[in-house]
C-alpha atoms as a PDB file:
ATOM      1  CA  UNK A   1      85.568 100.438 115.291  1.00  0.00           C
ATOM      2  CA  UNK A   2      86.862  99.358 111.929  1.00  0.00           C
ATOM      3  CA  UNK A   3      88.477  95.988 111.423  1.00  0.00           C
ATOM      4  CA  UNK A   4      91.812  97.556 110.498  1.00  0.00           C
ATOM      5  CA  UNK A   5      91.887  99.576 113.698  1.00  0.00           C
ATOM      6  CA  UNK A   6      90.923  96.537 115.786  1.00  0.00           C
ATOM      7  CA  UNK A   7      93.653  94.483 114.113  1.00  0.00           C
ATOM      8  CA  UNK A   8      96.137  97.286 114.785  1.00  0.00           C
ATOM      9  CA  UNK A   9      95.281  97.363 118.463  1.00  0.00           C
ATOM     10  CA  UNK A  10      95.618  93.578 118.705  1.00  0.00           C
ATOM     11  CA  UNK A  11      98.953  93.468 116.859  1.00  0.00           C
ATOM     12  CA  UNK A  12     100.307  96.309 118.979  1.00  0.00           C
ATOM     13  CA  UNK A  13      99.293  94.541 122.185  1.00  0.00           C
ATOM     14  CA  UNK A  14     100.866  91.268 121.058  1.00  0.00           C
ATOM     15  CA  UNK A  15     104.043  93.103 120.064  1.00  0.00           C
ATOM     16  CA  UNK A  16     104.299  94.819 123.440  1.00  0.00           C
ATOM     17  CA  UNK A  17     103.788  91.525 125.260  1.00  0.00           C
ATOM     18  CA  UNK A  18     106.380  89.865 123.017  1.00  0.00           C
ATOM     19  CA  UNK A  19     108.834  92.674 123.683  1.00  0.00           C
ATOM     20  CA  UNK A  20     108.282  92.381 127.431  1.00  0.00           C
ATOM     21  CA  UNK A  21     108.867  88.635 127.327  1.00  0.00           C
ATOM     22  CA  UNK A  22     111.944  89.213 125.171  1.00  0.00           C
ATOM     23  CA  UNK A  23     113.501  91.294 127.935  1.00  0.00           C
ATOM     24  CA  UNK A  24     113.123  88.379 130.349  1.00  0.00           C
ATOM     25  CA  UNK A  25     113.650  85.292 128.176  1.00  0.00           C
ATOM     26  CA  UNK A  26     115.805  84.783 125.119  1.00  0.00           C
ATOM     27  CA  UNK A  27     113.771  83.176 122.343  1.00  0.00           C
ATOM     28  CA  UNK A  28     114.175  82.973 118.546  1.00  0.00           C
ATOM     29  CA  UNK A  29     112.387  85.689 116.638  1.00  0.00           C
ATOM     30  CA  UNK A  30     112.037  88.116 119.517  1.00  0.00           C
ATOM     31  CA  UNK A  31     113.136  90.986 117.267  1.00  0.00           C
ATOM     32  CA  UNK A  32     109.884  90.573 115.358  1.00  0.00           C
ATOM     33  CA  UNK A  33     108.042  91.962 118.368  1.00  0.00           C
ATOM     34  CA  UNK A  34     109.425  95.421 117.558  1.00  0.00           C
ATOM     35  CA  UNK A  35     108.222  95.006 113.979  1.00  0.00           C
ATOM     36  CA  UNK A  36     104.801  93.940 115.272  1.00  0.00           C
ATOM     37  CA  UNK A  37     104.577  97.088 117.387  1.00  0.00           C
ATOM     38  CA  UNK A  38     105.452  99.296 114.406  1.00  0.00           C
ATOM     39  CA  UNK A  39     102.969  97.547 112.100  1.00  0.00           C
ATOM     40  CA  UNK A  40     100.292  97.586 114.789  1.00  0.00           C
ATOM     41  CA  UNK A  41     100.644 101.303 115.416  1.00  0.00           C
ATOM     42  CA  UNK A  42     100.491 101.952 111.690  1.00  0.00           C
ATOM     43  CA  UNK A  43      97.314  99.889 111.283  1.00  0.00           C
ATOM     44  CA  UNK A  44      95.836 101.561 114.336  1.00  0.00           C
ATOM     45  CA  UNK A  45      96.555 104.997 112.866  1.00  0.00           C
ATOM     46  CA  UNK A  46      95.217 104.323 109.369  1.00  0.00           C
ATOM     47  CA  UNK A  47      92.203 102.411 110.672  1.00  0.00           C
ATOM     48  CA  UNK A  48      90.303 105.628 111.087  1.00  0.00           C
ATOM     49  CA  UNK A  49      87.206 106.276 113.098  1.00  0.00           C
ATOM     50  CA  UNK A  50      83.874 104.930 111.939  1.00  0.00           C
ATOM     51  CA  UNK A  51      81.088 107.451 112.420  1.00  0.00           C
END
């Protein structure tokens, strides 16, 4: 796997966890979890497949 794709998967996972926590607990900056999901999916998509 390429580094960009790995980073995308990690950022997406962190964003999803942050979003889930944001539905349970109010904390400053929770809206950035949605941004993290969008950026993570983008990195995941452009990361390509290493052959």
